[in-house]
C-alpha atoms as a PDB file:
ATOM      1  CA  MET A   1       9.121   2.965  19.257  1.00  0.00           C
ATOM      2  CA  ALA A   2       5.747   1.259  19.651  1.00  0.00           C
ATOM      3  CA  ARG A   3       6.293   1.240  23.624  1.00  0.00           C
ATOM      4  CA  ASP A   4       6.481   5.163  23.437  1.00  0.00           C
ATOM      5  CA  PHE A   5       3.092   5.029  21.565  1.00  0.00           C
ATOM      6  CA  GLY A   6       0.633   5.878  24.013  1.00  0.00           C
ATOM      7  CA  VAL A   7      -1.946   8.231  25.441  1.00  0.00           C
ATOM      8  CA  ALA A   8      -0.182  11.530  24.538  1.00  0.00           C
ATOM      9  CA  GLN A   9       0.136  10.459  20.852  1.00  0.00           C
ATOM     10  CA  ILE A  10      -3.721   9.290  20.745  1.00  0.00           C
ATOM     11  CA  LEU A  11      -4.425  12.680  22.243  1.00  0.00           C
ATOM     12  CA  ASP A  12      -2.685  14.417  19.846  1.00  0.00           C
ATOM     13  CA  TYR A  13      -4.048  12.460  16.606  1.00  0.00           C
ATOM     14  CA  LEU A  14      -7.567  13.167  18.293  1.00  0.00           C
ATOM     15  CA  THR A  15      -6.773  17.055  18.556  1.00  0.00           C
ATOM     16  CA  GLN A  16      -5.829  17.132  14.933  1.00  0.00           C
ATOM     17  CA  MET A  17      -9.057  15.525  14.118  1.00  0.00           C
ATOM     18  CA  ASP A  18     -10.905  18.068  16.136  1.00  0.00           C
ATOM     19  CA  ILE A  19     -12.566  15.094  18.211  1.00  0.00           C
ATOM     20  CA  LYS A  20     -13.745  15.840  21.894  1.00  0.00           C
ATOM     21  CA  VAL A  21     -12.676  13.752  24.393  1.00  0.00           C
ATOM     22  CA  ALA A  22     -14.919  12.789  27.273  1.00  0.00           C
ATOM     23  CA  HIS A  23     -12.477  11.428  29.981  1.00  0.00           C
ATOM     24  CA  VAL A  24      -8.680  10.286  30.025  1.00  0.00           C
ATOM     25  CA  ASP A  25      -7.254   7.793  32.517  1.00  0.00           C
ATOM     26  CA  ARG A  26      -3.575   7.898  32.264  1.00  0.00           C
ATOM     27  CA  THR A  27      -2.915   5.164  34.836  1.00  0.00           C
ATOM     28  CA  LYS A  28      -4.992   2.608  32.534  1.00  0.00           C
ATOM     29  CA  ASN A  29      -3.628   4.325  29.244  1.00  0.00           C
ATOM     30  CA  ILE A  30      -6.979   4.934  27.983  1.00  0.00           C
ATOM     31  CA  ILE A  31      -9.358   7.717  26.548  1.00  0.00           C
ATOM     32  CA  GLU A  32     -12.820   7.713  26.459  1.00  0.00           C
ATOM     33  CA  LEU A  33     -15.250   9.492  23.735  1.00  0.00           C
ATOM     34  CA  ALA A  34     -19.027   9.966  23.902  1.00  0.00           C
ATOM     35  CA  PHE A  35     -21.295   9.913  20.806  1.00  0.00           C
ATOM     36  CA  HIS A  36     -24.785  10.758  20.478  1.00  0.00           C
ATOM     37  CA  GLY A  37     -26.910   9.298  17.673  1.00  0.00           C
ATOM     38  CA  GLU A  38     -30.713   8.835  16.486  1.00  0.00           C
ATOM     39  CA  SER A  39     -30.317   5.349  17.993  1.00  0.00           C
ATOM     40  CA  GLY A  40     -28.917   6.655  21.173  1.00  0.00           C
ATOM     41  CA  GLN A  41     -25.706   7.019  23.163  1.00  0.00           C
ATOM     42  CA  TRP A  42     -22.619   5.058  22.829  1.00  0.00           C
ATOM     43  CA  ARG A  43     -19.091   5.381  24.021  1.00  0.00           C
ATOM     44  CA  LEU A  44     -15.686   4.589  22.147  1.00  0.00           C
ATOM     45  CA  VAL A  45     -12.732   3.652  24.472  1.00  0.00           C
ATOM     46  CA  ILE A  46      -9.099   4.037  22.914  1.00  0.00           C
ATOM     47  CA  GLY A  47      -5.948   2.933  24.423  1.00  0.00           C
ATOM     48  CA  THR A  48      -2.750   0.703  24.186  1.00  0.00           C
ATOM     49  CA  GLN A  49      -2.308  -2.860  25.632  1.00  0.00           C
ATOM     50  CA  GLN A  50       0.804  -4.814  26.176  1.00  0.00           C
ATOM     51  CA  SER A  51       0.401  -8.530  25.364  1.00  0.00           C
ATOM     52  CA  GLY A  52       3.872 -10.128  26.164  1.00  0.00           C
ATOM     53  CA  PRO A  53       6.296  -8.712  23.523  1.00  0.00           C
ATOM     54  CA  GLU A  54       3.663  -7.493  21.525  1.00  0.00           C
ATOM     55  CA  ARG A  55       1.785  -4.091  21.914  1.00  0.00           C
ATOM     56  CA  LYS A  56      -1.498  -3.100  20.354  1.00  0.00           C
ATOM     57  CA  LEU A  57      -3.829  -0.390  19.808  1.00  0.00           C
ATOM     58  CA  MET A  58      -7.120  -1.035  21.242  1.00  0.00           C
ATOM     59  CA  LEU A  59     -10.275   0.568  20.110  1.00  0.00           C
ATOM     60  CA  ILE A  60     -13.552  -0.859  21.851  1.00  0.00           C
ATOM     61  CA  ALA A  61     -17.243   0.404  21.578  1.00  0.00           C
ATOM     62  CA  PRO A  62     -18.691  -1.333  24.721  1.00  0.00           C
ATOM     63  CA  HIS A  63     -22.287  -1.924  25.544  1.00  0.00           C
ATOM     64  CA  ILE A  64     -23.317  -1.467  21.931  1.00  0.00           C
ATOM     65  CA  GLY A  65     -26.381  -3.871  22.897  1.00  0.00           C
ATOM     66  CA  THR A  66     -27.263  -6.709  25.200  1.00  0.00           C
ATOM     67  CA  VAL A  67     -28.214 -10.169  24.043  1.00  0.00           C
ATOM     68  CA  THR A  68     -30.850 -11.929  26.606  1.00  0.00           C
ATOM     69  CA  ASN A  69     -32.868 -15.138  26.024  1.00  0.00           C
ATOM     70  CA  LYS A  70     -35.217 -13.301  24.044  1.00  0.00           C
ATOM     71  CA  LYS A  71     -34.531 -14.018  20.346  1.00  0.00           C
ATOM     72  CA  ARG A  72     -31.053 -14.964  21.398  1.00  0.00           C
ATOM     73  CA  LEU A  73     -30.343 -17.276  18.504  1.00  0.00           C
ATOM     74  CA  GLU A  74     -31.673 -14.411  15.882  1.00  0.00           C
ATOM     75  CA  CYS A  75     -29.391 -11.819  17.669  1.00  0.00           C
ATOM     76  CA  LEU A  76     -26.215 -14.024  17.541  1.00  0.00           C
ATOM     77  CA  GLU A  77     -26.735 -14.942  13.891  1.00  0.00           C
ATOM     78  CA  ALA A  78     -27.350 -11.187  13.018  1.00  0.00           C
ATOM     79  CA  LEU A  79     -23.990 -10.333  14.809  1.00  0.00           C
ATOM     80  CA  MET A  80     -22.257 -13.193  13.216  1.00  0.00           C
ATOM     81  CA  ALA A  81     -23.601 -11.846   9.693  1.00  0.00           C
ATOM     82  CA  VAL A  82     -22.263  -8.255  10.328  1.00  0.00           C
ATOM     83  CA  ASN A  83     -18.773  -9.562  11.399  1.00  0.00           C
ATOM     84  CA  TYR A  84     -18.624 -11.528   8.067  1.00  0.00           C
ATOM     85  CA  SER A  85     -19.428  -8.545   6.094  1.00  0.00           C
ATOM     86  CA  ILE A  86     -17.255  -5.864   7.760  1.00  0.00           C
ATOM     87  CA  ALA A  87     -13.437  -5.523   7.348  1.00  0.00           C
ATOM     88  CA  ILE A  88     -12.287  -3.779  10.538  1.00  0.00           C
ATOM     89  CA  GLY A  89     -13.757  -4.560  14.016  1.00  0.00           C
ATOM     90  CA  LYS A  90     -15.516  -7.522  15.106  1.00  0.00           C
ATOM     91  CA  PHE A  91     -18.694  -7.653  17.522  1.00  0.00           C
ATOM     92  CA  GLY A  92     -17.996  -9.889  20.438  1.00  0.00           C
ATOM     93  CA  LEU A  93     -20.360 -11.276  23.332  1.00  0.00           C
ATOM     94  CA  ASP A  94     -19.612 -11.456  27.025  1.00  0.00           C
ATOM     95  CA  LEU A  95     -21.373 -14.791  27.927  1.00  0.00           C
ATOM     96  CA  GLU A  96     -21.686 -13.746  31.548  1.00  0.00           C
ATOM     97  CA  ASP A  97     -23.973 -10.686  31.218  1.00  0.00           C
ATOM     98  CA  GLY A  98     -24.665 -10.778  27.506  1.00  0.00           C
ATOM     99  CA  GLU A  99     -22.989  -7.429  26.717  1.00  0.00           C
ATOM    100  CA  VAL A 100     -22.343  -6.944  23.237  1.00  0.00           C
ATOM    101  CA  ARG A 101     -19.089  -4.619  22.020  1.00  0.00           C
ATOM    102  CA  LEU A 102     -17.209  -3.763  19.001  1.00  0.00           C
ATOM    103  CA  GLU A 103     -13.530  -4.265  19.152  1.00  0.00           C
ATOM    104  CA  GLU A 104     -10.616  -3.920  16.847  1.00  0.00           C
ATOM    105  CA  ALA A 105      -6.855  -4.706  17.822  1.00  0.00           C
ATOM    106  CA  VAL A 106      -4.244  -3.017  15.920  1.00  0.00           C
ATOM    107  CA  PRO A 107      -0.667  -4.269  16.376  1.00  0.00           C
ATOM    108  CA  LEU A 108       1.883  -1.452  16.556  1.00  0.00           C
ATOM    109  CA  ALA A 109       5.025  -1.598  14.645  1.00  0.00           C
ATOM    110  CA  GLU A 110       8.267  -0.175  16.262  1.00  0.00           C
ATOM    111  CA  GLN A 111       7.321   3.270  14.787  1.00  0.00           C
ATOM    112  CA  GLY A 112       3.734   2.929  16.198  1.00  0.00           C
ATOM    113  CA  ILE A 113       0.990   3.967  14.021  1.00  0.00           C
ATOM    114  CA  SER A 114       0.810   6.932  11.893  1.00  0.00           C
ATOM    115  CA  PHE A 115      -1.830   9.561  12.229  1.00  0.00           C
ATOM    116  CA  GLU A 116      -3.342   8.639   8.570  1.00  0.00           C
ATOM    117  CA  GLN A 117      -3.443   5.098   9.695  1.00  0.00           C
ATOM    118  CA  PHE A 118      -5.084   5.851  12.979  1.00  0.00           C
ATOM    119  CA  GLN A 119      -7.673   8.289  11.280  1.00  0.00           C
ATOM    120  CA  LEU A 120      -8.591   5.357   8.990  1.00  0.00           C
ATOM    121  CA  VAL A 121      -9.259   2.461  11.645  1.00  0.00           C
ATOM    122  CA  PHE A 122     -11.171   5.349  13.766  1.00  0.00           C
ATOM    123  CA  GLY A 123     -13.293   5.936  11.035  1.00  0.00           C
ATOM    124  CA  ALA A 124     -14.238   2.399  10.302  1.00  0.00           C
ATOM    125  CA  ILE A 125     -14.926   1.742  13.902  1.00  0.00           C
ATOM    126  CA  VAL A 126     -17.068   4.886  14.189  1.00  0.00           C
ATOM    127  CA  GLN A 127     -19.122   3.869  10.985  1.00  0.00           C
ATOM    128  CA  THR A 128     -19.673   0.552  11.905  1.00  0.00           C
ATOM    129  CA  ALA A 129     -20.903   1.444  15.529  1.00  0.00           C
ATOM    130  CA  SER A 130     -23.033   4.132  14.209  1.00  0.00           C
ATOM    131  CA  MET A 131     -24.639   1.796  11.516  1.00  0.00           C
ATOM    132  CA  TYR A 132     -25.355  -1.197  13.595  1.00  0.00           C
ATOM    133  CA  HIS A 133     -26.192   0.471  16.886  1.00  0.00           C
ATOM    134  CA  SER A 134     -29.985  -0.278  16.268  1.00  0.00           C
ATOM    135  CA  LEU A 135     -29.422  -3.699  14.957  1.00  0.00           C
ATOM    136  CA  LEU A 136     -30.626  -5.736  18.136  1.00  0.00           C
ATOM    137  CA  PRO A 137     -33.584  -3.748  19.119  1.00  0.00           C
ATOM    138  CA  ARG A 138     -34.585  -3.819  15.248  1.00  0.00           C
ATOM    139  CA  ILE A 139     -34.913  -7.648  16.012  1.00  0.00           C
ATOM    140  CA  ILE A 140     -35.903  -7.986  19.563  1.00  0.00           C
ATOM    141  CA  TYR A 141     -38.794  -5.097  19.667  1.00  0.00           C
ATOM    142  CA  GLY A 142     -39.000  -4.316  15.930  1.00  0.00           C
ATOM    143  CA  HIS A 143     -39.526  -8.220  15.302  1.00  0.00           C
ATOM    144  CA  GLN A 144     -37.607  -7.885  12.092  1.00  0.00           C
ATOM    145  CA  SER A 145     -35.977 -10.863  10.622  1.00  0.00           C
ATOM    146  CA  ILE A 146     -32.263 -10.952  10.470  1.00  0.00           C
ATOM    147  CA  GLN A 147     -32.084  -9.651   7.088  1.00  0.00           C
ATOM    148  CA  GLU A 148     -34.733  -6.781   7.417  1.00  0.00           C
ATOM    149  CA  ALA A 149     -32.703  -5.600  10.578  1.00  0.00           C
ATOM    150  CA  ILE A 150     -29.353  -5.422   8.923  1.00  0.00           C
ATOM    151  CA  GLN A 151     -30.618  -3.873   5.615  1.00  0.00           C
ATOM    152  CA  GLY A 152     -32.646  -1.624   7.789  1.00  0.00           C
ATOM    153  CA  CYS A 153     -29.457  -0.585   9.551  1.00  0.00           C
ATOM    154  CA  GLU A 154     -27.548  -0.057   6.431  1.00  0.00           C
ATOM    155  CA  HIS A 155     -30.229   1.966   4.702  1.00  0.00           C
ATOM    156  CA  ASP A 156     -30.978   4.228   7.525  1.00  0.00           C
ATOM    157  CA  PHE A 157     -27.239   4.922   7.833  1.00  0.00           C
ATOM    158  CA  PHE A 158     -26.593   5.627   4.295  1.00  0.00           C
ATOM    159  CA  GLN A 159     -29.695   7.761   3.866  1.00  0.00           C
ATOM    160  CA  HIS A 160     -28.617   9.969   6.433  1.00  0.00           C
ATOM    161  CA  GLU A 161     -25.116   9.895   5.160  1.00  0.00           C
ATOM    162  CA  LEU A 162     -26.258  10.990   1.855  1.00  0.00           C
ATOM    163  CA  SER A 163     -28.583  13.854   3.141  1.00  0.00           C
ATOM    164  CA  ASP A 164     -25.457  15.104   5.240  1.00  0.00           C
ATOM    165  CA  TRP A 165     -22.910  14.982   1.981  1.00  0.00           C
ATOM    166  CA  SER A 166     -25.685  16.692   0.099  1.00  0.00           C
ATOM    167  CA  SER A 167     -24.885  19.950   2.321  1.00  0.00           C
ATOM    168  CA  ALA A 168     -21.417  19.337   2.805  1.00  0.00           C
ATOM    169  CA  SER A 169     -18.197  19.868   0.720  1.00  0.00           C
ATOM    170  CA  THR A 170     -16.657  16.503  -0.152  1.00  0.00           C
ATOM    171  CA  ASN A 171     -13.425  17.972   0.773  1.00  0.00           C
ATOM    172  CA  GLU A 172     -14.652  18.143   4.539  1.00  0.00           C
ATOM    173  CA  PRO A 173     -12.077  16.476   6.729  1.00  0.00           C
ATOM    174  CA  LEU A 174     -12.650  13.442   8.898  1.00  0.00           C
ATOM    175  CA  ALA A 175     -13.079  15.547  11.996  1.00  0.00           C
ATOM    176  CA  LYS A 176     -16.216  16.986  10.694  1.00  0.00           C
ATOM    177  CA  LEU A 177     -17.573  13.293  10.051  1.00  0.00           C
ATOM    178  CA  GLY A 178     -16.996  11.895  13.719  1.00  0.00           C
ATOM    179  CA  LEU A 179     -17.530  14.547  16.403  1.00  0.00           C
ATOM    180  CA  ALA A 180     -18.364  13.632  20.193  1.00  0.00           C
ATOM    181  CA  GLY A 181     -20.677  15.962  22.044  1.00  0.00           C
ATOM    182  CA  ASP A 182     -23.909  17.111  20.728  1.00  0.00           C
ATOM    183  CA  GLU A 183     -23.315  16.386  17.255  1.00  0.00           C
ATOM    184  CA  GLU A 184     -23.948  12.974  15.666  1.00  0.00           C
ATOM    185  CA  PRO A 185     -21.090  10.739  14.419  1.00  0.00           C
ATOM    186  CA  GLY A 186     -20.872  10.058  10.590  1.00  0.00           C
ATOM    187  CA  GLY A 187     -18.506   7.500   8.895  1.00  0.00           C
ATOM    188  CA  LEU A 188     -16.747   6.443   5.832  1.00  0.00           C
ATOM    189  CA  ASP A 189     -17.169   4.069   3.348  1.00  0.00           C
ATOM    190  CA  VAL A 190     -15.306   0.698   4.560  1.00  0.00           C
ATOM    191  CA  GLN A 191     -14.129  -0.075   0.943  1.00  0.00           C
ATOM    192  CA  GLU A 192     -12.595   3.558   0.587  1.00  0.00           C
ATOM    193  CA  ILE A 193     -10.922   3.086   3.967  1.00  0.00           C
ATOM    194  CA  LEU A 194      -9.169  -0.147   2.937  1.00  0.00           C
ATOM    195  CA  ALA A 195      -8.209   1.366  -0.425  1.00  0.00           C
ATOM    196  CA  GLU A 196      -6.508   4.287   1.226  1.00  0.00           C
ATOM    197  CA  VAL A 197      -5.118   2.003   3.824  1.00  0.00           C
ATOM    198  CA  HIS A 198      -3.412  -0.186   1.283  1.00  0.00           C
ATOM    199  CA  ARG A 199      -2.338   3.027  -0.753  1.00  0.00           C
ATOM    200  CA  ILE A 200      -0.458   4.016   2.300  1.00  0.00           C
ATOM    201  CA  PHE A 201       1.360   0.837   3.040  1.00  0.00           C
ATOM    202  CA  GLU A 202       2.352   0.657  -0.463  1.00  0.00           C
ATOM    203  CA  GLN A 203       3.641   4.136  -0.271  1.00  0.00           C
ATOM    204  CA  LYS A 204       5.625   3.120   2.736  1.00  0.00           C
ATOM    205  CA  LYS A 205       7.281   0.247   1.083  1.00  0.00           C
ATOM    206  CA  GLU A 206       8.745   2.176  -2.161  1.00  0.00           C
END
């Protein structure tokens, strides 16, 4: 049942993926992961949330950036442009302090969420956070245009990925693509993720 899906199941999935956990708060039903990349450090908080009769799996990358009065309009336009282009996850803004976060809410069916489904959503969020972590600094401090900043993030990310893939087997599991600790997180192609999600759901219908 969806109400039975919680921290224990999420920890089990992360263990299967060989993902290191930074902190577990069972009273709040959340798990925290820490990532280190070329653009700095960022966190991913995973947990479940009950909203009326509906229960959701929440994946939130807080403090991805901060929007201030400096080039505020350009930063907001860049975030909106990225939101329009990505399929899983959306960037949000706290109007009080300007905090930018990336988040995704997945409604849980009665059977919860399968390992394959969790793996795909997790991979998409890690990829997006890794790719656009330097978006706002490029605009604010690098004085790049919105288009230059977005294209620069994507170019640098995929160049790094191509370099990694050239020395790794294509059969390497996702566990090796999104590690916390001293290793940099990698990612998956969003279109491949969507195709795989569609395939999984189609199999369940048969």
